[in-house]
């Protein structure tokens, strides 16, 4: 990684969002849930929830020409949907403000 590439991240109680400018254009998204989150069923549900959050909120709060990675935490599995939406909205707004500076 060169020194000119900036990486931004934001931690919530349920997940971490990482963002890095890309030179390809467009928005690219990745999702991950390690074994620490739980068994395969739990990890898959967490990734599905993250995918749906990204589908709903990245068009509103994401930045063009950025790569986003969502990393699940254990608490994501049992969190209420409204809490996840609020946390994701806050995280994406925070990252977007840093990327534009």
PDB file of N, CA and C in Angstrom:
ATOM      1  N   UNK A   1       0.849  -1.180   0.000  1.00  0.00           N
ATOM      2  CA  UNK A   1       0.000   0.000   0.000  1.00  0.00           C
ATOM      3  C   UNK A   1       0.890   1.236   0.000  1.00  0.00           C
ATOM      4  N   UNK A   2       0.606   2.143  -0.885  1.00  0.00           N
ATOM      5  CA  UNK A   2       1.383   3.372  -0.939  1.00  0.00           C
ATOM      6  C   UNK A   2       0.909   4.339   0.143  1.00  0.00           C
ATOM      7  N   UNK A   3       1.741   5.303   0.445  1.00  0.00           N
ATOM      8  CA  UNK A   3       1.418   6.260   1.501  1.00  0.00           C
ATOM      9  C   UNK A   3       0.271   7.189   1.100  1.00  0.00           C
ATOM     10  N   UNK A   4       0.020   7.327  -0.203  1.00  0.00           N
ATOM     11  CA  UNK A   4      -1.023   8.250  -0.637  1.00  0.00           C
ATOM     12  C   UNK A   4      -2.424   7.655  -0.528  1.00  0.00           C
ATOM     13  N   UNK A   5      -2.517   6.333  -0.399  1.00  0.00           N
ATOM     14  CA  UNK A   5      -3.834   5.702  -0.299  1.00  0.00           C
ATOM     15  C   UNK A   5      -4.326   5.814   1.140  1.00  0.00           C
ATOM     16  N   UNK A   6      -5.515   6.330   1.300  1.00  0.00           N
ATOM     17  CA  UNK A   6      -6.071   6.512   2.630  1.00  0.00           C
ATOM     18  C   UNK A   6      -7.118   5.450   2.907  1.00  0.00           C
ATOM     19  N   UNK A   7      -7.065   4.914   4.092  1.00  0.00           N
ATOM     20  CA  UNK A   7      -8.056   3.935   4.523  1.00  0.00           C
ATOM     21  C   UNK A   7      -8.770   4.507   5.739  1.00  0.00           C
ATOM     22  N   UNK A   8     -10.085   4.401   5.717  1.00  0.00           N
ATOM     23  CA  UNK A   8     -10.902   4.896   6.817  1.00  0.00           C
ATOM     24  C   UNK A   8     -11.704   3.737   7.373  1.00  0.00           C
ATOM     25  N   UNK A   9     -11.979   3.782   8.657  1.00  0.00           N
ATOM     26  CA  UNK A   9     -12.815   2.742   9.234  1.00  0.00           C
ATOM     27  C   UNK A   9     -13.646   3.333  10.366  1.00  0.00           C
ATOM     28  N   UNK A  10     -14.709   2.616  10.680  1.00  0.00           N
ATOM     29  CA  UNK A  10     -15.573   3.030  11.777  1.00  0.00           C
ATOM     30  C   UNK A  10     -16.067   1.782  12.477  1.00  0.00           C
ATOM     31  N   UNK A  11     -15.919   1.751  13.791  1.00  0.00           N
ATOM     32  CA  UNK A  11     -16.362   0.612  14.594  1.00  0.00           C
ATOM     33  C   UNK A  11     -17.718   0.906  15.222  1.00  0.00           C
ATOM     34  N   UNK A  12     -18.613  -0.057  15.136  1.00  0.00           N
ATOM     35  CA  UNK A  12     -19.883   0.020  15.850  1.00  0.00           C
ATOM     36  C   UNK A  12     -19.936  -1.160  16.808  1.00  0.00           C
ATOM     37  N   UNK A  13     -21.015  -1.269  17.555  1.00  0.00           N
ATOM     38  CA  UNK A  13     -21.172  -2.409  18.459  1.00  0.00           C
ATOM     39  C   UNK A  13     -21.406  -3.709  17.694  1.00  0.00           C
ATOM     40  N   UNK A  14     -21.819  -3.609  16.434  1.00  0.00           N
ATOM     41  CA  UNK A  14     -22.246  -4.785  15.679  1.00  0.00           C
ATOM     42  C   UNK A  14     -21.319  -5.164  14.536  1.00  0.00           C
ATOM     43  N   UNK A  15     -20.560  -4.222  14.021  1.00  0.00           N
ATOM     44  CA  UNK A  15     -19.683  -4.491  12.886  1.00  0.00           C
ATOM     45  C   UNK A  15     -18.658  -3.369  12.743  1.00  0.00           C
ATOM     46  N   UNK A  16     -17.686  -3.602  11.882  1.00  0.00           N
ATOM     47  CA  UNK A  16     -16.693  -2.598  11.521  1.00  0.00           C
ATOM     48  C   UNK A  16     -16.862  -2.330  10.033  1.00  0.00           C
ATOM     49  N   UNK A  17     -16.775  -1.069   9.638  1.00  0.00           N
ATOM     50  CA  UNK A  17     -16.820  -0.706   8.215  1.00  0.00           C
ATOM     51  C   UNK A  17     -15.467  -0.108   7.861  1.00  0.00           C
ATOM     52  N   UNK A  18     -14.842  -0.667   6.827  1.00  0.00           N
ATOM     53  CA  UNK A  18     -13.597  -0.120   6.308  1.00  0.00           C
ATOM     54  C   UNK A  18     -13.876   0.467   4.937  1.00  0.00           C
ATOM     55  N   UNK A  19     -13.180   1.547   4.614  1.00  0.00           N
ATOM     56  CA  UNK A  19     -13.375   2.209   3.322  1.00  0.00           C
ATOM     57  C   UNK A  19     -12.019   2.635   2.785  1.00  0.00           C
ATOM     58  N   UNK A  20     -11.827   2.408   1.503  1.00  0.00           N
ATOM     59  CA  UNK A  20     -10.605   2.845   0.835  1.00  0.00           C
ATOM     60  C   UNK A  20     -10.973   3.335  -0.559  1.00  0.00           C
ATOM     61  N   UNK A  21     -10.384   4.445  -0.966  1.00  0.00           N
ATOM     62  CA  UNK A  21     -10.606   4.952  -2.319  1.00  0.00           C
ATOM     63  C   UNK A  21     -10.073   3.933  -3.314  1.00  0.00           C
ATOM     64  N   UNK A  22     -10.803   3.758  -4.427  1.00  0.00           N
ATOM     65  CA  UNK A  22     -10.290   2.904  -5.499  1.00  0.00           C
ATOM     66  C   UNK A  22     -10.147   3.736  -6.763  1.00  0.00           C
ATOM     67  N   UNK A  23      -9.409   3.222  -7.709  1.00  0.00           N
ATOM     68  CA  UNK A  23      -9.176   3.949  -8.950  1.00  0.00           C
ATOM     69  C   UNK A  23      -9.885   3.275 -10.118  1.00  0.00           C
ATOM     70  N   UNK A  24     -10.777   2.350  -9.798  1.00  0.00           N
ATOM     71  CA  UNK A  24     -11.541   1.630 -10.797  1.00  0.00           C
ATOM     72  C   UNK A  24     -12.828   2.379 -11.102  1.00  0.00           C
ATOM     73  N   UNK A  25     -13.334   3.080 -10.128  1.00  0.00           N
ATOM     74  CA  UNK A  25     -14.626   3.754 -10.249  1.00  0.00           C
ATOM     75  C   UNK A  25     -15.709   2.850  -9.704  1.00  0.00           C
ATOM     76  N   UNK A  26     -16.811   3.445  -9.349  1.00  0.00           N
ATOM     77  CA  UNK A  26     -17.906   2.656  -8.791  1.00  0.00           C
ATOM     78  C   UNK A  26     -17.659   2.286  -7.346  1.00  0.00           C
ATOM     79  N   UNK A  27     -18.668   1.679  -6.762  1.00  0.00           N
ATOM     80  CA  UNK A  27     -18.587   1.240  -5.369  1.00  0.00           C
ATOM     81  C   UNK A  27     -18.465  -0.274  -5.355  1.00  0.00           C
ATOM     82  N   UNK A  28     -17.462  -0.769  -4.637  1.00  0.00           N
ATOM     83  CA  UNK A  28     -17.305  -2.208  -4.464  1.00  0.00           C
ATOM     84  C   UNK A  28     -17.476  -2.520  -2.987  1.00  0.00           C
ATOM     85  N   UNK A  29     -18.064  -3.679  -2.700  1.00  0.00           N
ATOM     86  CA  UNK A  29     -18.390  -4.025  -1.315  1.00  0.00           C
ATOM     87  C   UNK A  29     -17.975  -5.459  -1.033  1.00  0.00           C
ATOM     88  N   UNK A  30     -17.459  -5.681   0.183  1.00  0.00           N
ATOM     89  CA  UNK A  30     -17.120  -7.024   0.645  1.00  0.00           C
ATOM     90  C   UNK A  30     -17.664  -7.239   2.044  1.00  0.00           C
ATOM     91  N   UNK A  31     -17.875  -8.509   2.387  1.00  0.00           N
ATOM     92  CA  UNK A  31     -18.439  -8.858   3.691  1.00  0.00           C
ATOM     93  C   UNK A  31     -17.642 -10.011   4.268  1.00  0.00           C
ATOM     94  N   UNK A  32     -17.408  -9.971   5.572  1.00  0.00           N
ATOM     95  CA  UNK A  32     -16.690 -11.060   6.208  1.00  0.00           C
ATOM     96  C   UNK A  32     -17.218 -11.297   7.620  1.00  0.00           C
ATOM     97  N   UNK A  33     -17.177 -12.558   8.010  1.00  0.00           N
ATOM     98  CA  UNK A  33     -17.537 -12.961   9.369  1.00  0.00           C
ATOM     99  C   UNK A  33     -16.624 -14.126   9.728  1.00  0.00           C
ATOM    100  N   UNK A  34     -15.774 -13.923  10.707  1.00  0.00           N
ATOM    101  CA  UNK A  34     -14.813 -14.962  11.084  1.00  0.00           C
ATOM    102  C   UNK A  34     -15.470 -16.018  11.968  1.00  0.00           C
ATOM    103  N   UNK A  35     -14.743 -17.054  12.259  1.00  0.00           N
ATOM    104  CA  UNK A  35     -15.263 -18.128  13.112  1.00  0.00           C
ATOM    105  C   UNK A  35     -15.583 -17.646  14.522  1.00  0.00           C
ATOM    106  N   UNK A  36     -14.961 -16.559  14.933  1.00  0.00           N
ATOM    107  CA  UNK A  36     -15.251 -16.007  16.258  1.00  0.00           C
ATOM    108  C   UNK A  36     -16.695 -15.550  16.381  1.00  0.00           C
ATOM    109  N   UNK A  37     -17.329 -15.225  15.251  1.00  0.00           N
ATOM    110  CA  UNK A  37     -18.718 -14.770  15.258  1.00  0.00           C
ATOM    111  C   UNK A  37     -19.651 -15.929  15.606  1.00  0.00           C
ATOM    112  N   UNK A  38     -19.320 -17.128  15.151  1.00  0.00           N
ATOM    113  CA  UNK A  38     -20.159 -18.288  15.447  1.00  0.00           C
ATOM    114  C   UNK A  38     -19.983 -19.371  14.400  1.00  0.00           C
ATOM    115  N   UNK A  39     -20.887 -20.337  14.424  1.00  0.00           N
ATOM    116  CA  UNK A  39     -20.812 -21.426  13.459  1.00  0.00           C
ATOM    117  C   UNK A  39     -21.256 -20.937  12.079  1.00  0.00           C
ATOM    118  N   UNK A  40     -21.284 -21.833  11.101  1.00  0.00           N
ATOM    119  CA  UNK A  40     -21.576 -21.442   9.721  1.00  0.00           C
ATOM    120  C   UNK A  40     -22.952 -20.797   9.575  1.00  0.00           C
ATOM    121  N   UNK A  41     -23.947 -21.310  10.294  1.00  0.00           N
ATOM    122  CA  UNK A  41     -25.299 -20.753  10.211  1.00  0.00           C
ATOM    123  C   UNK A  41     -25.308 -19.307  10.703  1.00  0.00           C
ATOM    124  N   UNK A  42     -24.651 -19.060  11.811  1.00  0.00           N
ATOM    125  CA  UNK A  42     -24.593 -17.707  12.386  1.00  0.00           C
ATOM    126  C   UNK A  42     -23.814 -16.775  11.462  1.00  0.00           C
ATOM    127  N   UNK A  43     -22.670 -17.228  10.952  1.00  0.00           N
ATOM    128  CA  UNK A  43     -21.863 -16.388  10.059  1.00  0.00           C
ATOM    129  C   UNK A  43     -22.635 -16.034   8.792  1.00  0.00           C
ATOM    130  N   UNK A  44     -23.331 -16.998   8.227  1.00  0.00           N
ATOM    131  CA  UNK A  44     -24.094 -16.734   7.008  1.00  0.00           C
ATOM    132  C   UNK A  44     -25.225 -15.740   7.254  1.00  0.00           C
ATOM    133  N   UNK A  45     -25.914 -15.879   8.387  1.00  0.00           N
ATOM    134  CA  UNK A  45     -26.986 -14.929   8.689  1.00  0.00           C
ATOM    135  C   UNK A  45     -26.421 -13.525   8.886  1.00  0.00           C
ATOM    136  N   UNK A  46     -25.285 -13.432   9.556  1.00  0.00           N
ATOM    137  CA  UNK A  46     -24.656 -12.127   9.753  1.00  0.00           C
ATOM    138  C   UNK A  46     -24.288 -11.488   8.418  1.00  0.00           C
ATOM    139  N   UNK A  47     -23.734 -12.271   7.508  1.00  0.00           N
ATOM    140  CA  UNK A  47     -23.378 -11.720   6.196  1.00  0.00           C
ATOM    141  C   UNK A  47     -24.613 -11.324   5.395  1.00  0.00           C
ATOM    142  N   UNK A  48     -25.690 -12.089   5.505  1.00  0.00           N
ATOM    143  CA  UNK A  48     -26.934 -11.704   4.824  1.00  0.00           C
ATOM    144  C   UNK A  48     -27.456 -10.383   5.351  1.00  0.00           C
ATOM    145  N   UNK A  49     -27.384 -10.203   6.670  1.00  0.00           N
ATOM    146  CA  UNK A  49     -27.846  -8.948   7.275  1.00  0.00           C
ATOM    147  C   UNK A  49     -26.974  -7.780   6.812  1.00  0.00           C
ATOM    148  N   UNK A  50     -25.664  -7.995   6.748  1.00  0.00           N
ATOM    149  CA  UNK A  50     -24.762  -6.943   6.279  1.00  0.00           C
ATOM    150  C   UNK A  50     -25.017  -6.610   4.812  1.00  0.00           C
ATOM    151  N   UNK A  51     -25.260  -7.637   3.995  1.00  0.00           N
ATOM    152  CA  UNK A  51     -25.559  -7.400   2.576  1.00  0.00           C
ATOM    153  C   UNK A  51     -26.807  -6.534   2.408  1.00  0.00           C
ATOM    154  N   UNK A  52     -27.830  -6.825   3.197  1.00  0.00           N
ATOM    155  CA  UNK A  52     -29.074  -6.061   3.096  1.00  0.00           C
ATOM    156  C   UNK A  52     -28.866  -4.624   3.572  1.00  0.00           C
ATOM    157  N   UNK A  53     -28.094  -4.432   4.636  1.00  0.00           N
ATOM    158  CA  UNK A  53     -27.777  -3.073   5.085  1.00  0.00           C
ATOM    159  C   UNK A  53     -27.053  -2.301   3.984  1.00  0.00           C
ATOM    160  N   UNK A  54     -26.072  -2.929   3.374  1.00  0.00           N
ATOM    161  CA  UNK A  54     -25.313  -2.272   2.314  1.00  0.00           C
ATOM    162  C   UNK A  54     -26.209  -1.971   1.117  1.00  0.00           C
ATOM    163  N   UNK A  55     -27.090  -2.896   0.763  1.00  0.00           N
ATOM    164  CA  UNK A  55     -27.983  -2.689  -0.372  1.00  0.00           C
ATOM    165  C   UNK A  55     -28.880  -1.480  -0.148  1.00  0.00           C
ATOM    166  N   UNK A  56     -29.358  -1.327   1.084  1.00  0.00           N
ATOM    167  CA  UNK A  56     -30.265  -0.227   1.402  1.00  0.00           C
ATOM    168  C   UNK A  56     -29.541   1.110   1.588  1.00  0.00           C
ATOM    169  N   UNK A  57     -28.384   1.089   2.239  1.00  0.00           N
ATOM    170  CA  UNK A  57     -27.794   2.346   2.705  1.00  0.00           C
ATOM    171  C   UNK A  57     -26.610   2.866   1.896  1.00  0.00           C
ATOM    172  N   UNK A  58     -25.875   2.007   1.209  1.00  0.00           N
ATOM    173  CA  UNK A  58     -24.746   2.511   0.427  1.00  0.00           C
ATOM    174  C   UNK A  58     -25.172   3.460  -0.696  1.00  0.00           C
ATOM    175  N   UNK A  59     -26.289   3.206  -1.389  1.00  0.00           N
ATOM    176  CA  UNK A  59     -26.686   4.192  -2.408  1.00  0.00           C
ATOM    177  C   UNK A  59     -26.982   5.582  -1.821  1.00  0.00           C
ATOM    178  N   UNK A  60     -27.376   5.624  -0.560  1.00  0.00           N
ATOM    179  CA  UNK A  60     -27.699   6.901   0.080  1.00  0.00           C
ATOM    180  C   UNK A  60     -26.477   7.578   0.688  1.00  0.00           C
ATOM    181  N   UNK A  61     -25.598   6.805   1.341  1.00  0.00           N
ATOM    182  CA  UNK A  61     -24.520   7.388   2.134  1.00  0.00           C
ATOM    183  C   UNK A  61     -23.129   6.968   1.692  1.00  0.00           C
ATOM    184  N   UNK A  62     -23.014   6.063   0.746  1.00  0.00           N
ATOM    185  CA  UNK A  62     -21.707   5.630   0.274  1.00  0.00           C
ATOM    186  C   UNK A  62     -21.085   6.664  -0.644  1.00  0.00           C
ATOM    187  N   UNK A  63     -19.803   6.538  -0.894  1.00  0.00           N
ATOM    188  CA  UNK A  63     -19.082   7.442  -1.777  1.00  0.00           C
ATOM    189  C   UNK A  63     -18.674   6.707  -3.036  1.00  0.00           C
ATOM    190  N   UNK A  64     -18.775   7.403  -4.162  1.00  0.00           N
ATOM    191  CA  UNK A  64     -18.357   6.852  -5.444  1.00  0.00           C
ATOM    192  C   UNK A  64     -16.840   6.621  -5.427  1.00  0.00           C
ATOM    193  N   UNK A  65     -16.378   5.635  -6.144  1.00  0.00           N
ATOM    194  CA  UNK A  65     -14.956   5.283  -6.235  1.00  0.00           C
ATOM    195  C   UNK A  65     -14.372   4.886  -4.888  1.00  0.00           C
ATOM    196  N   UNK A  66     -15.155   4.136  -4.109  1.00  0.00           N
ATOM    197  CA  UNK A  66     -14.681   3.634  -2.820  1.00  0.00           C
ATOM    198  C   UNK A  66     -14.976   2.144  -2.699  1.00  0.00           C
ATOM    199  N   UNK A  67     -14.100   1.452  -1.992  1.00  0.00           N
ATOM    200  CA  UNK A  67     -14.319   0.057  -1.642  1.00  0.00           C
ATOM    201  C   UNK A  67     -14.722   0.018  -0.172  1.00  0.00           C
ATOM    202  N   UNK A  68     -15.773  -0.727   0.131  1.00  0.00           N
ATOM    203  CA  UNK A  68     -16.240  -0.878   1.508  1.00  0.00           C
ATOM    204  C   UNK A  68     -16.133  -2.339   1.907  1.00  0.00           C
ATOM    205  N   UNK A  69     -15.680  -2.577   3.131  1.00  0.00           N
ATOM    206  CA  UNK A  69     -15.654  -3.926   3.689  1.00  0.00           C
ATOM    207  C   UNK A  69     -16.382  -3.876   5.027  1.00  0.00           C
ATOM    208  N   UNK A  70     -17.367  -4.748   5.183  1.00  0.00           N
ATOM    209  CA  UNK A  70     -18.125  -4.868   6.421  1.00  0.00           C
ATOM    210  C   UNK A  70     -17.649  -6.120   7.147  1.00  0.00           C
ATOM    211  N   UNK A  71     -17.230  -5.966   8.400  1.00  0.00           N
ATOM    212  CA  UNK A  71     -16.724  -7.073   9.202  1.00  0.00           C
ATOM    213  C   UNK A  71     -17.673  -7.286  10.374  1.00  0.00           C
ATOM    214  N   UNK A  72     -18.278  -8.462  10.428  1.00  0.00           N
ATOM    215  CA  UNK A  72     -19.285  -8.760  11.452  1.00  0.00           C
ATOM    216  C   UNK A  72     -18.649  -8.982  12.821  1.00  0.00           C
ATOM    217  N   UNK A  73     -19.391  -8.587  13.851  1.00  0.00           N
ATOM    218  CA  UNK A  73     -19.062  -8.916  15.234  1.00  0.00           C
ATOM    219  C   UNK A  73     -20.139  -9.854  15.768  1.00  0.00           C
ATOM    220  N   UNK A  74     -19.853 -10.501  16.877  1.00  0.00           N
ATOM    221  CA  UNK A  74     -20.783 -11.475  17.465  1.00  0.00           C
ATOM    222  C   UNK A  74     -22.167 -10.911  17.723  1.00  0.00           C
ATOM    223  N   UNK A  75     -22.235  -9.678  18.175  1.00  0.00           N
ATOM    224  CA  UNK A  75     -23.510  -9.067  18.557  1.00  0.00           C
ATOM    225  C   UNK A  75     -24.426  -8.787  17.365  1.00  0.00           C
ATOM    226  N   UNK A  76     -23.903  -8.854  16.160  1.00  0.00           N
ATOM    227  CA  UNK A  76     -24.709  -8.600  14.956  1.00  0.00           C
ATOM    228  C   UNK A  76     -25.842  -9.607  14.814  1.00  0.00           C
ATOM    229  N   UNK A  77     -25.582 -10.841  15.178  1.00  0.00           N
ATOM    230  CA  UNK A  77     -26.552 -11.924  14.990  1.00  0.00           C
ATOM    231  C   UNK A  77     -27.869 -11.644  15.710  1.00  0.00           C
ATOM    232  N   UNK A  78     -27.806 -11.149  16.925  1.00  0.00           N
ATOM    233  CA  UNK A  78     -29.022 -10.978  17.729  1.00  0.00           C
ATOM    234  C   UNK A  78     -29.523  -9.535  17.798  1.00  0.00           C
ATOM    235  N   UNK A  79     -28.895  -8.634  17.067  1.00  0.00           N
ATOM    236  CA  UNK A  79     -29.288  -7.220  17.134  1.00  0.00           C
ATOM    237  C   UNK A  79     -30.621  -6.983  16.425  1.00  0.00           C
ATOM    238  N   UNK A  80     -31.340  -5.993  16.891  1.00  0.00           N
ATOM    239  CA  UNK A  80     -32.587  -5.588  16.246  1.00  0.00           C
ATOM    240  C   UNK A  80     -32.260  -4.846  14.951  1.00  0.00           C
ATOM    241  N   UNK A  81     -33.123  -5.021  13.958  1.00  0.00           N
ATOM    242  CA  UNK A  81     -32.875  -4.447  12.645  1.00  0.00           C
ATOM    243  C   UNK A  81     -32.758  -2.921  12.695  1.00  0.00           C
ATOM    244  N   UNK A  82     -33.597  -2.268  13.468  1.00  0.00           N
ATOM    245  CA  UNK A  82     -33.548  -0.805  13.565  1.00  0.00           C
ATOM    246  C   UNK A  82     -32.213  -0.333  14.131  1.00  0.00           C
ATOM    247  N   UNK A  83     -31.685  -1.067  15.104  1.00  0.00           N
ATOM    248  CA  UNK A  83     -30.378  -0.716  15.670  1.00  0.00           C
ATOM    249  C   UNK A  83     -29.283  -0.834  14.614  1.00  0.00           C
ATOM    250  N   UNK A  84     -29.368  -1.879  13.808  1.00  0.00           N
ATOM    251  CA  UNK A  84     -28.370  -2.078  12.756  1.00  0.00           C
ATOM    252  C   UNK A  84     -28.437  -0.970  11.718  1.00  0.00           C
ATOM    253  N   UNK A  85     -29.645  -0.595  11.332  1.00  0.00           N
ATOM    254  CA  UNK A  85     -29.798   0.486  10.354  1.00  0.00           C
ATOM    255  C   UNK A  85     -29.238   1.800  10.890  1.00  0.00           C
ATOM    256  N   UNK A  86     -29.539   2.098  12.139  1.00  0.00           N
ATOM    257  CA  UNK A  86     -29.029   3.339  12.740  1.00  0.00           C
ATOM    258  C   UNK A  86     -27.504   3.328  12.811  1.00  0.00           C
ATOM    259  N   UNK A  87     -26.942   2.201  13.237  1.00  0.00           N
ATOM    260  CA  UNK A  87     -25.487   2.091  13.357  1.00  0.00           C
ATOM    261  C   UNK A  87     -24.819   2.206  11.987  1.00  0.00           C
ATOM    262  N   UNK A  88     -25.390   1.568  10.992  1.00  0.00           N
ATOM    263  CA  UNK A  88     -24.810   1.603   9.650  1.00  0.00           C
ATOM    264  C   UNK A  88     -24.921   3.003   9.048  1.00  0.00           C
ATOM    265  N   UNK A  89     -26.043   3.649   9.223  1.00  0.00           N
ATOM    266  CA  UNK A  89     -26.223   5.015   8.727  1.00  0.00           C
ATOM    267  C   UNK A  89     -25.191   5.945   9.354  1.00  0.00           C
ATOM    268  N   UNK A  90     -25.042   5.851  10.661  1.00  0.00           N
ATOM    269  CA  UNK A  90     -24.082   6.692  11.371  1.00  0.00           C
ATOM    270  C   UNK A  90     -22.654   6.417  10.890  1.00  0.00           C
ATOM    271  N   UNK A  91     -22.314   5.146  10.731  1.00  0.00           N
ATOM    272  CA  UNK A  91     -20.965   4.772  10.297  1.00  0.00           C
ATOM    273  C   UNK A  91     -20.678   5.283   8.889  1.00  0.00           C
ATOM    274  N   UNK A  92     -21.615   5.097   7.972  1.00  0.00           N
ATOM    275  CA  UNK A  92     -21.394   5.525   6.597  1.00  0.00           C
ATOM    276  C   UNK A  92     -21.333   7.044   6.480  1.00  0.00           C
ATOM    277  N   UNK A  93     -22.141   7.755   7.234  1.00  0.00           N
ATOM    278  CA  UNK A  93     -22.064   9.230   7.228  1.00  0.00           C
ATOM    279  C   UNK A  93     -20.717   9.685   7.750  1.00  0.00           C
ATOM    280  N   UNK A  94     -20.250   9.044   8.828  1.00  0.00           N
ATOM    281  CA  UNK A  94     -18.967   9.404   9.412  1.00  0.00           C
ATOM    282  C   UNK A  94     -17.837   9.148   8.424  1.00  0.00           C
ATOM    283  N   UNK A  95     -17.835   8.004   7.791  1.00  0.00           N
ATOM    284  CA  UNK A  95     -16.778   7.677   6.822  1.00  0.00           C
ATOM    285  C   UNK A  95     -16.853   8.610   5.621  1.00  0.00           C
ATOM    286  N   UNK A  96     -18.049   8.895   5.144  1.00  0.00           N
ATOM    287  CA  UNK A  96     -18.205   9.759   3.979  1.00  0.00           C
ATOM    288  C   UNK A  96     -17.639  11.154   4.244  1.00  0.00           C
ATOM    289  N   UNK A  97     -17.829  11.645   5.449  1.00  0.00           N
ATOM    290  CA  UNK A  97     -17.304  12.970   5.777  1.00  0.00           C
ATOM    291  C   UNK A  97     -15.767  12.950   5.798  1.00  0.00           C
ATOM    292  N   UNK A  98     -15.178  11.843   6.205  1.00  0.00           N
ATOM    293  CA  UNK A  98     -13.714  11.739   6.215  1.00  0.00           C
ATOM    294  C   UNK A  98     -13.145  11.600   4.808  1.00  0.00           C
ATOM    295  N   UNK A  99     -13.841  10.851   3.959  1.00  0.00           N
ATOM    296  CA  UNK A  99     -13.360  10.611   2.598  1.00  0.00           C
ATOM    297  C   UNK A  99     -13.370  11.896   1.784  1.00  0.00           C
ATOM    298  N   UNK A 100     -14.354  12.745   2.000  1.00  0.00           N
ATOM    299  CA  UNK A 100     -14.451  13.963   1.199  1.00  0.00           C
ATOM    300  C   UNK A 100     -13.458  15.039   1.612  1.00  0.00           C
ATOM    301  N   UNK A 101     -12.875  14.921   2.782  1.00  0.00           N
ATOM    302  CA  UNK A 101     -11.907  15.943   3.255  1.00  0.00           C
ATOM    303  C   UNK A 101     -10.614  15.870   2.489  1.00  0.00           C
TER     304      UNK A 101
END
